[in-house]
Amino acid sequence: MNEKNNENRNGRKTLPFPWEYGQEEITLKVSSYAYGNGLAILMYSQTEGELELFDDLTVNLPGGYGLEPQEAFISGDFTKDKLAFIEKNRLGNRLPGHARSGFATYTSVAFDLSRLAQYDRERVEEFCRQWGLDVPKEPEKIQGKLTGKKKREREIEVYGARKMEVKMNKEIRNYQESMFMGLNLRQCIFSLLAIAVAVGIYFGLGDYVGQEMTGWLCILGAAPFAVCGFFQYHGMNAEQFAWAYIKSEFLYPKRLLFQSEDLYHACMEETMSLGEKTRGDGTVLLKKREQRARKKQMKQKKKSGRSGAFD
């Protein structure tokens, strides 16, 4: 939010207050109500060089409704405009709930006393002492001129990090340095060639074909060079586009056949061949194991037969 603070002839800060009948430059004055000592804020406008009461920003309702010292109800006249004025200038925050008095409904606001002190410090300090509140500190004044790193640190502390706006190309790869009047090197060269061709045609054929025909010939002769300098299509300049067109239409076949490539088979071919080889050796080993098992069984039978004969 860009805040605009003006000063009236008395040196007091003013705030713009737009309402249905125009806009007023308002000076805020802080006080307290005689009944209950609640926060009172008055709005003054300057008329013919003198401050004149414009309206009450706050209103004092009987009963107090348990408000804190810095809280107050907003006057019922132009309530929406006043609430918008408070929010825009960060004078306080709207509180939930409403209060009724008679036939009117009032909205309560918690005011920022340090913010109000920027517009009426003397009366805000008096109000704080009356209620035993902490007096808002005055903004620190910068003594002397700061330079270098200290100046930057002070700016960040007081104003926050300032935003810097830098224009960037949408596609950074297409960036080309400007050489002359916004033209890059390529555009400058082809522009000079186009001018040179047009001038050559004009002085070379002007005496033979007439002025009108010479003009058309100059345009036709210079146009290809101008087009080549400024032509861009999908990141290609004129020469690259022409070469791509020639390759597509004349050098490469019109009918393209799609042939799938089994990358998985190509990668696993060696592994699969090794697996098949291992599987073949495994069959031989299995046969050998079966033969050994049979020989072992035959030996056991012979042993068992011998032991039976001795018995």
Protein backbone atom coordinates (compact mmCIF):
# COMPACT_ATOMS: atom_id res chain seq x y z
CA MET A 1 0.00 0.00 0.00
CA ASN A 2 1.36 3.39 -0.97
CA GLU A 3 0.54 5.71 1.91
CA LYS A 4 0.17 9.38 1.19
CA ASN A 5 0.65 11.81 4.08
CA ASN A 6 0.19 15.53 3.45
CA GLU A 7 0.59 18.44 5.83
CA ASN A 8 -1.71 21.35 6.44
CA ARG A 9 -0.66 24.92 7.07
CA ASN A 10 -0.14 24.18 10.77
CA GLY A 11 2.43 21.50 9.95
CA ARG A 12 0.16 18.63 11.06
CA LYS A 13 -0.07 15.49 8.95
CA THR A 14 -3.32 14.93 7.10
CA LEU A 15 -4.96 11.85 5.62
CA PRO A 16 -7.35 11.71 2.65
CA PHE A 17 -10.89 10.70 3.57
CA PRO A 18 -13.05 9.80 0.56
CA TRP A 19 -16.79 9.81 1.13
CA GLU A 20 -19.94 10.10 -0.94
CA TYR A 21 -19.63 13.88 -1.35
CA GLY A 22 -15.99 13.97 -2.42
CA GLN A 23 -12.72 13.82 -0.50
CA GLU A 24 -11.49 15.70 2.55
CA GLU A 25 -7.97 16.13 3.94
CA ILE A 26 -8.42 15.08 7.55
CA THR A 27 -6.37 16.00 10.62
CA LEU A 28 -6.81 13.59 13.54
CA LYS A 29 -7.00 14.78 17.14
CA VAL A 30 -6.95 12.35 20.07
CA SER A 31 -8.70 12.99 23.38
CA SER A 32 -10.74 11.17 26.02
CA TYR A 33 -14.42 11.33 26.86
CA ALA A 34 -15.44 12.99 30.12
CA TYR A 35 -17.64 9.99 30.96
CA GLY A 36 -15.48 6.88 31.34
CA ASN A 37 -12.28 8.44 29.94
CA GLY A 38 -12.64 6.30 26.81
CA LEU A 39 -10.63 6.94 23.65
CA ALA A 40 -12.01 9.82 21.59
CA ILE A 41 -10.79 10.58 18.06
CA LEU A 42 -11.98 13.65 16.21
CA MET A 43 -11.70 14.42 12.49
CA TYR A 44 -10.87 17.99 11.48
CA SER A 45 -10.79 19.49 8.00
CA GLN A 46 -9.19 22.76 6.98
CA THR A 47 -11.51 25.51 5.85
CA GLU A 48 -10.15 28.93 4.85
CA GLY A 49 -6.89 28.25 6.66
CA GLU A 50 -8.50 27.13 9.93
CA LEU A 51 -9.25 23.68 11.33
CA GLU A 52 -12.94 22.94 11.54
CA LEU A 53 -14.55 19.86 13.11
CA PHE A 54 -15.57 17.55 10.29
CA ASP A 55 -16.95 14.60 12.25
CA ASP A 56 -16.35 12.28 15.20
CA LEU A 57 -14.47 9.13 14.27
CA THR A 58 -15.46 7.44 17.54
CA VAL A 59 -18.53 7.52 19.76
CA ASN A 60 -18.93 7.07 23.52
CA LEU A 61 -21.65 4.54 24.36
CA PRO A 62 -23.07 4.27 27.89
CA GLY A 63 -21.93 1.22 29.80
CA GLY A 64 -18.49 0.92 28.23
CA TYR A 65 -19.15 -2.67 27.04
CA GLY A 66 -15.85 -3.80 28.61
CA LEU A 67 -13.60 -2.17 26.02
CA GLU A 68 -9.85 -1.82 26.53
CA PRO A 69 -8.40 1.73 26.71
CA GLN A 70 -7.21 1.63 23.07
CA GLU A 71 -10.57 0.30 21.81
CA ALA A 72 -13.55 2.40 20.78
CA PHE A 73 -16.80 2.27 18.85
CA ILE A 74 -17.04 3.95 15.46
CA SER A 75 -19.51 6.75 15.03
CA GLY A 76 -22.69 5.75 13.17
CA ASP A 77 -22.42 8.46 10.49
CA PHE A 78 -20.78 7.08 7.31
CA THR A 79 -19.60 3.98 9.20
CA LYS A 80 -18.46 2.10 6.08
CA ASP A 81 -16.38 5.06 4.88
CA LYS A 82 -14.78 5.44 8.30
CA LEU A 83 -13.94 1.74 8.61
CA ALA A 84 -12.38 1.81 5.15
CA PHE A 85 -10.44 4.94 6.16
CA ILE A 86 -9.12 3.18 9.29
CA GLU A 87 -8.10 0.01 7.43
CA LYS A 88 -6.47 1.86 4.54
CA ASN A 89 -4.31 3.99 6.83
CA ARG A 90 -3.62 1.12 9.27
CA LEU A 91 -5.00 3.06 12.23
CA GLY A 92 -6.46 -0.06 13.85
CA ASN A 93 -8.15 -3.43 13.42
CA ARG A 94 -11.84 -4.14 13.38
CA LEU A 95 -13.03 -6.29 16.30
CA PRO A 96 -15.61 -9.08 16.01
CA GLY A 97 -19.12 -8.43 17.27
CA HIS A 98 -21.26 -5.30 17.43
CA ALA A 99 -23.01 -3.20 20.05
CA ARG A 100 -26.53 -1.82 19.89
CA SER A 101 -27.66 1.47 21.36
CA GLY A 102 -31.17 2.60 20.60
CA PHE A 103 -31.89 1.73 16.98
CA ALA A 104 -28.25 1.88 15.84
CA THR A 105 -25.54 -0.79 15.61
CA TYR A 106 -21.91 0.14 16.25
CA THR A 107 -18.65 -1.57 15.27
CA SER A 108 -15.67 -1.61 17.64
CA VAL A 109 -12.04 -1.08 16.58
CA ALA A 110 -8.77 -1.68 18.41
CA PHE A 111 -6.68 1.37 17.52
CA ASP A 112 -2.90 1.38 17.16
CA LEU A 113 -1.74 4.12 19.53
CA SER A 114 1.75 4.22 18.02
CA ARG A 115 0.12 4.87 14.65
CA LEU A 116 -2.14 7.57 16.05
CA ALA A 117 0.90 9.19 17.68
CA GLN A 118 2.24 10.02 14.21
CA TYR A 119 -0.68 12.42 13.80
CA ASP A 120 -1.20 13.74 17.35
CA ARG A 121 1.74 12.67 19.53
CA GLU A 122 1.18 15.09 22.39
CA ARG A 123 -2.42 14.03 23.05
CA VAL A 124 -1.65 10.31 22.57
CA GLU A 125 1.12 10.53 25.18
CA GLU A 126 -1.27 12.31 27.55
CA PHE A 127 -3.90 9.59 26.99
CA CYS A 128 -1.34 6.82 27.65
CA ARG A 129 -0.19 8.43 30.90
CA GLN A 130 -3.81 8.80 31.96
CA TRP A 131 -4.38 5.05 31.56
CA GLY A 132 -0.91 3.94 32.66
CA LEU A 133 -0.02 2.62 29.20
CA ASP A 134 3.39 2.54 27.56
CA VAL A 135 4.00 5.75 25.67
CA PRO A 136 4.76 5.04 21.97
CA LYS A 137 8.36 5.76 21.07
CA GLU A 138 9.18 8.43 18.55
CA PRO A 139 10.61 7.24 15.22
CA GLU A 140 14.39 7.18 15.32
CA LYS A 141 15.94 10.07 13.45
CA ILE A 142 18.90 9.37 11.23
CA GLN A 143 21.80 11.60 12.18
CA GLY A 144 24.23 12.54 9.41
CA LYS A 145 24.59 10.86 6.06
CA LEU A 146 25.05 7.09 5.86
CA THR A 147 26.95 5.55 3.00
CA GLY A 148 27.74 2.10 1.66
CA LYS A 149 26.77 -0.99 3.63
CA LYS A 150 25.43 0.94 6.65
CA LYS A 151 23.10 2.93 4.41
CA ARG A 152 21.75 -0.25 2.83
CA GLU A 153 21.24 -1.90 6.23
CA ARG A 154 19.41 1.19 7.48
CA GLU A 155 17.15 1.24 4.41
CA ILE A 156 16.23 -2.42 4.93
CA GLU A 157 15.58 -1.79 8.64
CA VAL A 158 13.35 1.25 8.08
CA TYR A 159 11.68 0.59 4.75
CA GLY A 160 12.16 -3.13 4.24
CA ALA A 161 13.87 -4.73 1.28
CA ARG A 162 13.06 -2.63 -1.75
CA LYS A 163 11.80 -4.38 -4.83
CA MET A 164 13.84 -4.24 -8.00
CA GLU A 165 12.13 -4.74 -11.34
CA VAL A 166 14.25 -6.11 -14.17
CA LYS A 167 12.84 -6.87 -17.61
CA MET A 168 13.68 -10.40 -18.76
CA ASN A 169 13.10 -12.04 -22.12
CA LYS A 170 10.40 -14.68 -22.14
CA GLU A 171 12.89 -17.06 -23.76
CA ILE A 172 16.39 -16.21 -22.57
CA ARG A 173 18.00 -18.33 -25.31
CA ASN A 174 16.56 -16.01 -27.95
CA TYR A 175 18.21 -12.94 -26.45
CA GLN A 176 20.49 -11.03 -28.82
CA GLU A 177 22.34 -7.88 -28.00
CA SER A 178 21.00 -4.73 -29.63
CA MET A 179 23.50 -3.04 -31.93
CA PHE A 180 21.66 -0.07 -33.45
CA MET A 181 18.14 1.30 -32.86
CA GLY A 182 16.98 -1.98 -31.32
CA LEU A 183 18.36 -4.11 -34.18
CA ASN A 184 20.77 -6.95 -33.54
CA LEU A 185 23.87 -7.61 -35.65
CA ARG A 186 22.13 -9.92 -38.13
CA GLN A 187 19.27 -7.49 -38.70
CA CYS A 188 21.68 -4.59 -39.19
CA ILE A 189 23.71 -6.51 -41.81
CA PHE A 190 20.67 -7.60 -43.83
CA SER A 191 19.13 -4.12 -43.57
CA LEU A 192 22.30 -2.62 -45.03
CA LEU A 193 22.29 -5.26 -47.79
CA ALA A 194 18.65 -4.48 -48.61
CA ILE A 195 19.44 -0.74 -48.81
CA ALA A 196 22.52 -1.40 -50.93
CA VAL A 197 20.55 -3.58 -53.37
CA ALA A 198 17.74 -1.01 -53.63
CA VAL A 199 20.20 1.83 -54.25
CA GLY A 200 22.09 -0.25 -56.82
CA ILE A 201 18.91 -1.10 -58.73
CA TYR A 202 17.72 2.51 -58.61
CA PHE A 203 20.88 4.01 -60.06
CA GLY A 204 21.55 1.06 -62.37
CA LEU A 205 18.13 0.74 -64.02
CA GLY A 206 16.56 4.14 -63.39
CA ASP A 207 17.52 5.52 -66.77
CA TYR A 208 16.27 2.47 -68.70
CA VAL A 209 12.91 1.33 -67.30
CA GLY A 210 11.39 4.48 -65.80
CA GLN A 211 10.83 5.67 -62.26
CA GLU A 212 7.72 3.60 -61.47
CA MET A 213 9.18 0.33 -62.69
CA THR A 214 12.46 1.07 -60.92
CA GLY A 215 10.61 1.58 -57.66
CA TRP A 216 8.95 -1.84 -57.94
CA LEU A 217 12.25 -3.48 -58.84
CA CYS A 218 13.89 -1.87 -55.81
CA ILE A 219 11.17 -3.29 -53.56
CA LEU A 220 11.41 -6.76 -55.11
CA GLY A 221 15.21 -6.73 -54.93
CA ALA A 222 15.46 -5.51 -51.33
CA ALA A 223 12.56 -7.58 -49.92
CA PRO A 224 14.40 -10.96 -49.78
CA PHE A 225 17.27 -9.46 -47.78
CA ALA A 226 14.88 -7.71 -45.40
CA VAL A 227 12.92 -10.94 -44.91
CA CYS A 228 16.10 -12.92 -44.27
CA GLY A 229 17.15 -10.47 -41.58
CA PHE A 230 13.89 -10.49 -39.63
CA PHE A 231 12.44 -13.95 -40.38
CA GLN A 232 12.04 -16.33 -37.41
CA TYR A 233 10.16 -19.63 -37.35
CA HIS A 234 10.34 -21.95 -34.35
CA GLY A 235 13.77 -20.61 -33.45
CA MET A 236 15.11 -20.94 -37.03
CA ASN A 237 16.28 -18.06 -39.18
CA ALA A 238 15.68 -17.90 -42.93
CA GLU A 239 18.69 -20.03 -43.98
CA GLN A 240 18.00 -22.72 -41.39
CA PHE A 241 14.34 -22.86 -42.38
CA ALA A 242 15.22 -23.10 -46.10
CA TRP A 243 17.69 -25.93 -45.46
CA ALA A 244 15.16 -27.79 -43.30
CA TYR A 245 12.55 -27.44 -46.07
CA ILE A 246 14.95 -28.74 -48.73
CA LYS A 247 15.88 -31.75 -46.63
CA SER A 248 12.24 -32.50 -45.85
CA GLU A 249 10.95 -32.14 -49.42
CA PHE A 250 13.83 -33.34 -51.61
CA LEU A 251 16.61 -35.13 -49.71
CA TYR A 252 14.72 -37.33 -47.28
CA PRO A 253 12.21 -39.97 -48.49
CA LYS A 254 8.58 -38.98 -48.50
CA ARG A 255 7.41 -42.30 -47.09
CA LEU A 256 8.92 -43.13 -43.76
CA LEU A 257 8.63 -46.66 -42.40
CA PHE A 258 8.51 -47.19 -38.70
CA GLN A 259 10.60 -50.07 -37.44
CA SER A 260 10.48 -50.78 -33.75
CA GLU A 261 13.67 -51.58 -31.94
CA ASP A 262 13.55 -53.99 -29.02
CA LEU A 263 15.99 -52.26 -26.71
CA TYR A 264 15.29 -54.74 -23.93
CA HIS A 265 16.24 -57.70 -26.12
CA ALA A 266 19.35 -55.92 -27.35
CA CYS A 267 20.48 -55.20 -23.81
CA MET A 268 19.64 -58.68 -22.50
CA GLU A 269 20.84 -60.68 -25.50
CA GLU A 270 24.24 -61.44 -24.04
CA THR A 271 22.76 -62.30 -20.65
CA MET A 272 20.17 -64.58 -22.27
CA SER A 273 22.82 -66.41 -24.31
CA LEU A 274 24.87 -66.95 -21.18
CA GLY A 275 21.76 -68.25 -19.44
CA GLU A 276 21.07 -70.73 -22.19
CA LYS A 277 24.68 -71.91 -22.07
CA THR A 278 24.51 -72.35 -18.32
CA ARG A 279 21.24 -74.23 -18.65
CA GLY A 280 22.85 -76.68 -21.16
CA ASP A 281 25.74 -77.39 -18.79
CA GLY A 282 23.25 -77.89 -16.01
CA THR A 283 21.53 -80.68 -17.98
CA VAL A 284 24.82 -82.52 -18.38
CA LEU A 285 25.54 -82.16 -14.67
CA LEU A 286 22.08 -83.47 -13.84
CA LYS A 287 22.67 -86.59 -15.92
CA LYS A 288 26.01 -87.15 -14.19
CA ARG A 289 24.34 -86.80 -10.79
CA GLU A 290 21.70 -89.35 -11.75
CA GLN A 291 24.38 -91.81 -12.85
CA ARG A 292 26.26 -91.33 -9.59
CA ALA A 293 23.06 -91.87 -7.62
CA ARG A 294 22.37 -95.15 -9.48
CA LYS A 295 25.93 -96.42 -8.89
CA LYS A 296 25.57 -95.57 -5.21
CA GLN A 297 22.29 -97.47 -4.98
CA MET A 298 23.85 -100.51 -6.68
CA LYS A 299 26.77 -100.49 -4.23
CA GLN A 300 24.36 -100.33 -1.30
CA LYS A 301 22.41 -103.30 -2.68
CA LYS A 302 25.60 -105.34 -3.07
CA LYS A 303 26.62 -104.55 0.51
CA SER A 304 23.21 -105.47 1.84
CA GLY A 305 23.33 -108.78 -0.14
CA ARG A 306 26.71 -109.69 1.28
CA SER A 307 25.67 -108.99 4.85
CA GLY A 308 22.60 -111.23 4.39
CA ALA A 309 24.77 -114.14 3.11
CA PHE A 310 27.00 -114.04 6.20
CA ASP A 311 24.00 -114.10 8.48
